[in-house]
């Protein structure tokens, strides 16, 4: 039997170590309900008409044909990560979901350049509005740094 420190044992059982997730993508682990809520809040067009269609276009449940198909799924979450509060909410929910799944140690990864790319190439009115709000939030946050 291999024992592990009590704080990492699953339900206090030293013979059963807790789960660790060492490569969880922030933008790949967003709840569908959160995607829908953020899209409504920021009036973003995700190119879907229902949550069922959103589920079909945003989730990856089986291997996809190629890299472009995978990136197309990420573009949906990329659009809704349009500001500090959205990113903060998604990060919190990622940690909450991992915890509920029994994960005690997680490495949460994200690519700021990838998330910001949607706003850098924004062409729609809703994306520009989201980018403006995000820029103001970041400007306000930056002014609070010492």
N, C-alpha and C. Protein backbone atom coordinates (compact mmCIF):
# COMPACT_ATOMS: atom_id res chain seq x y z
N UNK A 1 0.84 -1.17 0.00
CA UNK A 1 0.00 0.00 0.00
C UNK A 1 0.89 1.24 0.00
N UNK A 2 0.53 2.21 -0.86
CA UNK A 2 1.26 3.48 -0.93
C UNK A 2 0.43 4.53 -0.20
N UNK A 3 1.03 5.18 0.76
CA UNK A 3 0.33 6.22 1.52
C UNK A 3 0.69 7.59 0.96
N UNK A 4 -0.20 8.51 1.09
CA UNK A 4 0.06 9.90 0.69
C UNK A 4 -0.33 10.80 1.84
N UNK A 5 0.18 12.04 1.87
CA UNK A 5 -0.18 12.96 2.95
C UNK A 5 -1.70 13.11 3.07
N UNK A 6 -2.18 13.24 4.28
CA UNK A 6 -3.63 13.27 4.55
C UNK A 6 -4.35 14.34 3.75
N UNK A 7 -3.73 15.50 3.54
CA UNK A 7 -4.43 16.57 2.82
C UNK A 7 -4.66 16.22 1.36
N UNK A 8 -3.91 15.23 0.82
CA UNK A 8 -4.09 14.83 -0.57
C UNK A 8 -4.82 13.50 -0.70
N UNK A 9 -5.15 12.88 0.41
CA UNK A 9 -5.86 11.61 0.35
C UNK A 9 -7.33 11.85 0.03
N UNK A 10 -7.91 10.96 -0.72
CA UNK A 10 -9.31 11.08 -1.08
C UNK A 10 -10.16 10.64 0.11
N UNK A 11 -10.95 11.55 0.61
CA UNK A 11 -11.83 11.32 1.75
C UNK A 11 -11.09 10.72 2.96
N UNK A 12 -9.87 11.17 3.18
CA UNK A 12 -9.11 10.75 4.35
C UNK A 12 -8.54 9.35 4.26
N UNK A 13 -8.63 8.70 3.12
CA UNK A 13 -8.11 7.35 2.96
C UNK A 13 -6.70 7.42 2.37
N UNK A 14 -5.65 7.20 3.17
CA UNK A 14 -4.28 7.34 2.67
C UNK A 14 -3.92 6.34 1.57
N UNK A 15 -4.67 5.27 1.45
CA UNK A 15 -4.40 4.29 0.39
C UNK A 15 -4.97 4.74 -0.95
N UNK A 16 -5.80 5.75 -0.94
CA UNK A 16 -6.46 6.22 -2.17
C UNK A 16 -6.12 7.68 -2.42
N UNK A 17 -5.03 7.94 -3.13
CA UNK A 17 -4.65 9.33 -3.36
C UNK A 17 -5.70 10.09 -4.17
N UNK A 18 -5.76 11.36 -3.92
CA UNK A 18 -6.70 12.22 -4.64
C UNK A 18 -6.25 12.40 -6.08
N UNK A 19 -7.16 12.83 -6.91
CA UNK A 19 -6.84 13.08 -8.32
C UNK A 19 -6.04 14.37 -8.46
N UNK A 20 -5.18 14.38 -9.46
CA UNK A 20 -4.45 15.58 -9.85
C UNK A 20 -4.69 15.78 -11.34
N UNK A 21 -4.93 17.00 -11.73
CA UNK A 21 -5.12 17.31 -13.15
C UNK A 21 -4.04 18.30 -13.54
N UNK A 22 -3.14 17.87 -14.40
CA UNK A 22 -1.94 18.64 -14.67
C UNK A 22 -1.97 19.45 -15.95
N UNK A 23 -3.09 19.49 -16.64
CA UNK A 23 -3.13 20.27 -17.88
C UNK A 23 -4.58 20.58 -18.24
N UNK A 24 -5.25 21.37 -17.42
CA UNK A 24 -6.65 21.73 -17.63
C UNK A 24 -6.69 23.10 -18.31
N UNK A 25 -7.31 23.17 -19.48
CA UNK A 25 -7.40 24.43 -20.21
C UNK A 25 -8.58 25.27 -19.72
N UNK A 26 -8.31 26.50 -19.33
CA UNK A 26 -9.35 27.42 -18.89
C UNK A 26 -10.42 27.55 -19.97
N UNK A 27 -10.00 27.80 -21.21
CA UNK A 27 -10.96 28.03 -22.29
C UNK A 27 -11.52 26.74 -22.87
N UNK A 28 -11.06 25.60 -22.39
CA UNK A 28 -11.59 24.33 -22.86
C UNK A 28 -12.48 23.66 -21.84
N UNK A 29 -12.69 24.32 -20.71
CA UNK A 29 -13.47 23.73 -19.62
C UNK A 29 -14.52 24.71 -19.12
N UNK A 30 -15.23 25.32 -20.04
CA UNK A 30 -16.24 26.31 -19.69
C UNK A 30 -17.62 25.64 -19.73
N UNK A 31 -18.40 25.87 -18.71
CA UNK A 31 -19.75 25.32 -18.67
C UNK A 31 -20.58 25.90 -19.81
N UNK A 32 -21.41 25.06 -20.43
CA UNK A 32 -22.28 25.56 -21.50
C UNK A 32 -23.22 26.65 -20.99
N UNK A 33 -23.72 26.49 -19.78
CA UNK A 33 -24.61 27.50 -19.22
C UNK A 33 -23.89 28.84 -19.06
N UNK A 34 -22.60 28.79 -18.76
CA UNK A 34 -21.81 30.01 -18.62
C UNK A 34 -21.56 30.66 -19.97
N UNK A 35 -21.27 29.83 -20.98
CA UNK A 35 -21.09 30.38 -22.33
C UNK A 35 -22.35 31.11 -22.75
N UNK A 36 -23.51 30.47 -22.55
CA UNK A 36 -24.79 31.08 -22.94
C UNK A 36 -25.05 32.36 -22.14
N UNK A 37 -24.80 32.32 -20.84
CA UNK A 37 -25.05 33.50 -19.99
C UNK A 37 -24.14 34.67 -20.38
N UNK A 38 -22.86 34.41 -20.61
CA UNK A 38 -21.94 35.48 -20.99
C UNK A 38 -22.27 36.04 -22.37
N UNK A 39 -22.68 35.18 -23.28
CA UNK A 39 -23.06 35.64 -24.62
C UNK A 39 -24.28 36.55 -24.53
N UNK A 40 -25.26 36.17 -23.71
CA UNK A 40 -26.45 37.02 -23.53
C UNK A 40 -26.06 38.35 -22.89
N UNK A 41 -25.26 38.28 -21.84
CA UNK A 41 -24.89 39.50 -21.11
C UNK A 41 -24.16 40.51 -21.99
N UNK A 42 -23.28 40.01 -22.85
CA UNK A 42 -22.48 40.89 -23.70
C UNK A 42 -23.03 41.01 -25.12
N UNK A 43 -24.21 40.46 -25.32
CA UNK A 43 -24.88 40.50 -26.63
C UNK A 43 -23.96 40.03 -27.76
N UNK A 44 -23.36 38.85 -27.54
CA UNK A 44 -22.44 38.28 -28.52
C UNK A 44 -23.17 37.29 -29.42
N UNK A 45 -22.87 37.32 -30.68
CA UNK A 45 -23.44 36.36 -31.63
C UNK A 45 -22.49 35.18 -31.74
N UNK A 46 -22.94 34.02 -31.25
CA UNK A 46 -22.12 32.82 -31.31
C UNK A 46 -22.47 31.96 -32.52
N UNK A 47 -23.41 32.42 -33.31
CA UNK A 47 -23.79 31.67 -34.50
C UNK A 47 -24.64 30.45 -34.20
N UNK A 48 -25.29 30.43 -33.04
CA UNK A 48 -26.18 29.34 -32.67
C UNK A 48 -27.51 29.91 -32.22
N UNK A 49 -28.55 29.08 -32.31
CA UNK A 49 -29.90 29.54 -31.96
C UNK A 49 -30.43 28.94 -30.67
N UNK A 50 -29.78 27.90 -30.17
CA UNK A 50 -30.27 27.23 -28.95
C UNK A 50 -29.09 26.67 -28.17
N UNK A 51 -29.35 26.31 -26.92
CA UNK A 51 -28.29 25.70 -26.11
C UNK A 51 -27.93 24.33 -26.66
N UNK A 52 -28.88 23.65 -27.27
CA UNK A 52 -28.58 22.34 -27.88
C UNK A 52 -27.59 22.52 -29.04
N UNK A 53 -27.83 23.52 -29.87
CA UNK A 53 -26.91 23.79 -30.98
C UNK A 53 -25.55 24.25 -30.43
N UNK A 54 -25.59 25.02 -29.36
CA UNK A 54 -24.34 25.45 -28.72
C UNK A 54 -23.55 24.23 -28.25
N UNK A 55 -24.24 23.29 -27.62
CA UNK A 55 -23.58 22.07 -27.14
C UNK A 55 -22.94 21.30 -28.30
N UNK A 56 -23.62 21.22 -29.41
CA UNK A 56 -23.09 20.50 -30.57
C UNK A 56 -21.86 21.19 -31.16
N UNK A 57 -21.84 22.52 -31.11
CA UNK A 57 -20.74 23.27 -31.75
C UNK A 57 -19.59 23.60 -30.81
N UNK A 58 -19.83 23.53 -29.48
CA UNK A 58 -18.80 23.96 -28.53
C UNK A 58 -18.07 22.81 -27.86
N UNK A 59 -18.71 21.67 -27.72
CA UNK A 59 -18.09 20.56 -26.98
C UNK A 59 -17.27 19.65 -27.90
N UNK A 60 -16.26 19.04 -27.31
CA UNK A 60 -15.46 18.03 -28.01
C UNK A 60 -15.61 16.75 -27.19
N UNK A 61 -16.44 15.84 -27.68
CA UNK A 61 -16.70 14.59 -26.97
C UNK A 61 -16.08 13.38 -27.66
N UNK A 62 -15.73 13.55 -28.91
CA UNK A 62 -15.11 12.48 -29.69
C UNK A 62 -13.97 13.11 -30.51
N UNK A 63 -13.07 12.29 -31.01
CA UNK A 63 -12.00 12.86 -31.85
C UNK A 63 -12.59 13.61 -33.05
N UNK A 64 -11.99 14.74 -33.37
CA UNK A 64 -12.45 15.56 -34.49
C UNK A 64 -11.56 15.32 -35.71
N UNK A 65 -12.04 15.77 -36.87
CA UNK A 65 -11.35 15.50 -38.14
C UNK A 65 -9.97 16.16 -38.23
N UNK A 66 -9.82 17.34 -37.62
CA UNK A 66 -8.54 18.02 -37.74
C UNK A 66 -8.41 19.18 -36.78
N UNK A 67 -7.26 19.80 -36.82
CA UNK A 67 -6.93 20.90 -35.92
C UNK A 67 -7.91 22.07 -36.07
N UNK A 68 -8.27 22.41 -37.30
CA UNK A 68 -9.18 23.53 -37.53
C UNK A 68 -10.54 23.31 -36.87
N UNK A 69 -10.99 22.08 -36.86
CA UNK A 69 -12.27 21.77 -36.22
C UNK A 69 -12.18 21.96 -34.70
N UNK A 70 -11.04 21.60 -34.14
CA UNK A 70 -10.83 21.80 -32.71
C UNK A 70 -10.78 23.28 -32.39
N UNK A 71 -10.02 24.05 -33.16
CA UNK A 71 -9.90 25.49 -32.93
C UNK A 71 -11.26 26.18 -33.07
N UNK A 72 -12.10 25.71 -33.99
CA UNK A 72 -13.44 26.29 -34.15
C UNK A 72 -14.23 26.17 -32.85
N UNK A 73 -14.04 25.08 -32.12
CA UNK A 73 -14.73 24.91 -30.82
C UNK A 73 -14.19 25.93 -29.81
N UNK A 74 -12.89 26.13 -29.83
CA UNK A 74 -12.29 27.09 -28.90
C UNK A 74 -12.70 28.52 -29.23
N UNK A 75 -12.98 28.83 -30.46
CA UNK A 75 -13.36 30.19 -30.85
C UNK A 75 -14.65 30.63 -30.15
N UNK A 76 -15.52 29.67 -29.89
CA UNK A 76 -16.77 29.99 -29.20
C UNK A 76 -16.46 30.48 -27.79
N UNK A 77 -15.64 29.75 -27.05
CA UNK A 77 -15.31 30.20 -25.69
C UNK A 77 -14.42 31.43 -25.73
N UNK A 78 -13.60 31.54 -26.74
CA UNK A 78 -12.74 32.71 -26.89
C UNK A 78 -13.59 33.99 -26.95
N UNK A 79 -14.71 33.92 -27.63
CA UNK A 79 -15.58 35.10 -27.75
C UNK A 79 -16.15 35.54 -26.41
N UNK A 80 -16.54 34.58 -25.57
CA UNK A 80 -17.18 34.96 -24.31
C UNK A 80 -16.19 35.35 -23.22
N UNK A 81 -14.92 35.04 -23.40
CA UNK A 81 -13.90 35.46 -22.43
C UNK A 81 -13.48 36.89 -22.78
N UNK A 82 -14.45 37.78 -22.67
CA UNK A 82 -14.29 39.13 -23.21
C UNK A 82 -14.03 40.19 -22.15
N UNK A 83 -13.64 39.79 -20.99
CA UNK A 83 -13.34 40.79 -19.97
C UNK A 83 -12.90 40.12 -18.68
N UNK A 84 -12.44 40.95 -17.78
CA UNK A 84 -11.93 40.46 -16.50
C UNK A 84 -12.97 39.63 -15.76
N UNK A 85 -14.18 40.14 -15.63
CA UNK A 85 -15.21 39.42 -14.88
C UNK A 85 -15.55 38.08 -15.51
N UNK A 86 -15.59 38.02 -16.84
CA UNK A 86 -15.88 36.76 -17.53
C UNK A 86 -14.77 35.75 -17.27
N UNK A 87 -13.52 36.19 -17.38
CA UNK A 87 -12.39 35.29 -17.15
C UNK A 87 -12.36 34.86 -15.69
N UNK A 88 -12.63 35.77 -14.80
CA UNK A 88 -12.65 35.45 -13.37
C UNK A 88 -13.73 34.40 -13.08
N UNK A 89 -14.92 34.59 -13.65
CA UNK A 89 -16.02 33.64 -13.43
C UNK A 89 -15.65 32.26 -13.95
N UNK A 90 -15.11 32.21 -15.16
CA UNK A 90 -14.74 30.93 -15.78
C UNK A 90 -13.63 30.25 -14.98
N UNK A 91 -12.66 31.01 -14.51
CA UNK A 91 -11.58 30.43 -13.70
C UNK A 91 -12.14 29.85 -12.40
N UNK A 92 -13.02 30.60 -11.74
CA UNK A 92 -13.62 30.11 -10.49
C UNK A 92 -14.40 28.83 -10.75
N UNK A 93 -15.21 28.81 -11.81
CA UNK A 93 -16.02 27.63 -12.12
C UNK A 93 -15.14 26.44 -12.51
N UNK A 94 -14.01 26.68 -13.16
CA UNK A 94 -13.07 25.60 -13.48
C UNK A 94 -12.57 24.93 -12.20
N UNK A 95 -12.18 25.75 -11.24
CA UNK A 95 -11.67 25.22 -9.97
C UNK A 95 -12.79 24.50 -9.22
N UNK A 96 -13.98 25.10 -9.21
CA UNK A 96 -15.13 24.48 -8.56
C UNK A 96 -15.47 23.13 -9.19
N UNK A 97 -15.49 23.06 -10.51
CA UNK A 97 -15.80 21.80 -11.21
C UNK A 97 -14.74 20.74 -10.94
N UNK A 98 -13.48 21.15 -10.93
CA UNK A 98 -12.40 20.20 -10.65
C UNK A 98 -12.55 19.64 -9.23
N UNK A 99 -12.83 20.53 -8.29
CA UNK A 99 -13.00 20.12 -6.89
C UNK A 99 -14.16 19.13 -6.76
N UNK A 100 -15.27 19.43 -7.42
CA UNK A 100 -16.43 18.53 -7.36
C UNK A 100 -16.15 17.18 -8.02
N UNK A 101 -15.17 17.15 -8.91
CA UNK A 101 -14.78 15.91 -9.57
C UNK A 101 -13.70 15.17 -8.77
N UNK A 102 -13.38 15.65 -7.59
CA UNK A 102 -12.41 14.98 -6.74
C UNK A 102 -10.97 15.38 -6.98
N UNK A 103 -10.75 16.41 -7.78
CA UNK A 103 -9.39 16.87 -8.05
C UNK A 103 -8.94 17.76 -6.89
N UNK A 104 -7.80 17.41 -6.31
CA UNK A 104 -7.25 18.19 -5.19
C UNK A 104 -6.07 19.05 -5.61
N UNK A 105 -5.49 18.71 -6.74
CA UNK A 105 -4.34 19.46 -7.25
C UNK A 105 -4.56 19.66 -8.74
N UNK A 106 -4.60 20.90 -9.18
CA UNK A 106 -4.86 21.18 -10.60
C UNK A 106 -3.92 22.25 -11.11
N UNK A 107 -3.53 22.09 -12.36
CA UNK A 107 -2.77 23.10 -13.08
C UNK A 107 -3.72 23.65 -14.14
N UNK A 108 -4.15 24.87 -13.96
CA UNK A 108 -5.09 25.52 -14.87
C UNK A 108 -4.30 26.37 -15.85
N UNK A 109 -4.42 26.06 -17.14
CA UNK A 109 -3.63 26.74 -18.17
C UNK A 109 -4.51 27.64 -19.02
N UNK A 110 -3.93 28.72 -19.48
CA UNK A 110 -4.62 29.58 -20.43
C UNK A 110 -3.58 30.32 -21.25
N UNK A 111 -4.02 30.82 -22.38
CA UNK A 111 -3.13 31.55 -23.28
C UNK A 111 -3.70 32.96 -23.48
N UNK A 112 -3.19 33.95 -22.77
CA UNK A 112 -3.72 35.30 -22.88
C UNK A 112 -3.75 35.82 -24.32
N UNK A 113 -2.74 35.51 -25.11
CA UNK A 113 -2.71 35.99 -26.50
C UNK A 113 -3.85 35.37 -27.31
N UNK A 114 -4.16 34.10 -27.06
CA UNK A 114 -5.25 33.44 -27.76
C UNK A 114 -6.60 34.05 -27.35
N UNK A 115 -6.77 34.28 -26.05
CA UNK A 115 -8.02 34.86 -25.56
C UNK A 115 -8.19 36.27 -26.13
N UNK A 116 -7.13 37.05 -26.16
CA UNK A 116 -7.22 38.43 -26.64
C UNK A 116 -7.33 38.53 -28.15
N UNK A 117 -6.99 37.47 -28.88
CA UNK A 117 -7.01 37.51 -30.35
C UNK A 117 -8.39 37.86 -30.89
N UNK A 118 -9.44 37.39 -30.25
CA UNK A 118 -10.81 37.69 -30.69
C UNK A 118 -11.06 39.19 -30.66
N UNK A 119 -10.58 39.84 -29.61
CA UNK A 119 -10.79 41.28 -29.50
C UNK A 119 -9.87 42.06 -30.42
N UNK A 120 -8.70 41.55 -30.66
CA UNK A 120 -7.77 42.25 -31.55
C UNK A 120 -8.28 42.29 -32.98
N UNK A 121 -9.02 41.27 -33.38
CA UNK A 121 -9.54 41.22 -34.75
C UNK A 121 -11.05 41.42 -34.78
N UNK A 122 -11.58 42.09 -33.77
CA UNK A 122 -13.03 42.27 -33.66
C UNK A 122 -13.58 43.05 -34.85
N UNK A 123 -14.62 42.52 -35.45
CA UNK A 123 -15.25 43.20 -36.58
C UNK A 123 -16.72 43.46 -36.32
N UNK A 124 -17.31 42.74 -35.39
CA UNK A 124 -18.73 42.94 -35.13
C UNK A 124 -18.92 43.99 -34.04
N UNK A 125 -20.07 44.61 -34.05
CA UNK A 125 -20.38 45.65 -33.06
C UNK A 125 -20.31 45.08 -31.64
N UNK A 126 -20.86 43.87 -31.44
CA UNK A 126 -20.86 43.28 -30.11
C UNK A 126 -19.44 42.98 -29.64
N UNK A 127 -18.58 42.50 -30.53
CA UNK A 127 -17.20 42.22 -30.14
C UNK A 127 -16.47 43.52 -29.80
N UNK A 128 -16.72 44.58 -30.57
CA UNK A 128 -16.08 45.87 -30.27
C UNK A 128 -16.54 46.39 -28.92
N UNK A 129 -17.84 46.24 -28.61
CA UNK A 129 -18.38 46.69 -27.33
C UNK A 129 -17.72 45.91 -26.19
N UNK A 130 -17.58 44.61 -26.39
CA UNK A 130 -16.95 43.76 -25.38
C UNK A 130 -15.49 44.16 -25.18
N UNK A 131 -14.78 44.39 -26.26
CA UNK A 131 -13.37 44.79 -26.21
C UNK A 131 -13.23 46.12 -25.48
N UNK A 132 -14.11 47.07 -25.74
CA UNK A 132 -14.06 48.37 -25.08
C UNK A 132 -14.24 48.21 -23.58
N UNK A 133 -15.23 47.41 -23.19
CA UNK A 133 -15.48 47.18 -21.77
C UNK A 133 -14.26 46.51 -21.13
N UNK A 134 -13.68 45.55 -21.82
CA UNK A 134 -12.52 44.84 -21.30
C UNK A 134 -11.35 45.81 -21.14
N UNK A 135 -11.13 46.66 -22.13
CA UNK A 135 -10.03 47.62 -22.06
C UNK A 135 -10.20 48.58 -20.89
N UNK A 136 -11.41 49.03 -20.67
CA UNK A 136 -11.67 49.94 -19.54
C UNK A 136 -11.40 49.24 -18.21
N UNK A 137 -11.86 47.98 -18.11
CA UNK A 137 -11.63 47.23 -16.88
C UNK A 137 -10.15 47.05 -16.63
N UNK A 138 -9.41 46.69 -17.66
CA UNK A 138 -7.97 46.48 -17.51
C UNK A 138 -7.28 47.80 -17.16
N UNK A 139 -7.71 48.89 -17.77
CA UNK A 139 -7.13 50.20 -17.46
C UNK A 139 -7.36 50.57 -16.00
N UNK A 140 -8.57 50.31 -15.52
CA UNK A 140 -8.89 50.60 -14.13
C UNK A 140 -8.08 49.71 -13.19
N UNK A 141 -7.95 48.44 -13.57
CA UNK A 141 -7.18 47.51 -12.74
C UNK A 141 -5.71 47.89 -12.72
N UNK A 142 -5.18 48.31 -13.88
CA UNK A 142 -3.76 48.67 -13.97
C UNK A 142 -3.45 49.90 -13.12
N UNK A 143 -4.41 50.82 -13.01
CA UNK A 143 -4.17 52.02 -12.21
C UNK A 143 -4.13 51.72 -10.72
N UNK A 144 -4.57 50.53 -10.31
CA UNK A 144 -4.55 50.16 -8.89
C UNK A 144 -3.22 49.52 -8.48
N UNK A 145 -2.40 49.17 -9.45
CA UNK A 145 -1.12 48.54 -9.11
C UNK A 145 -0.19 49.58 -8.48
N UNK A 146 0.64 49.16 -7.54
CA UNK A 146 1.54 50.14 -6.87
C UNK A 146 2.56 50.72 -7.83
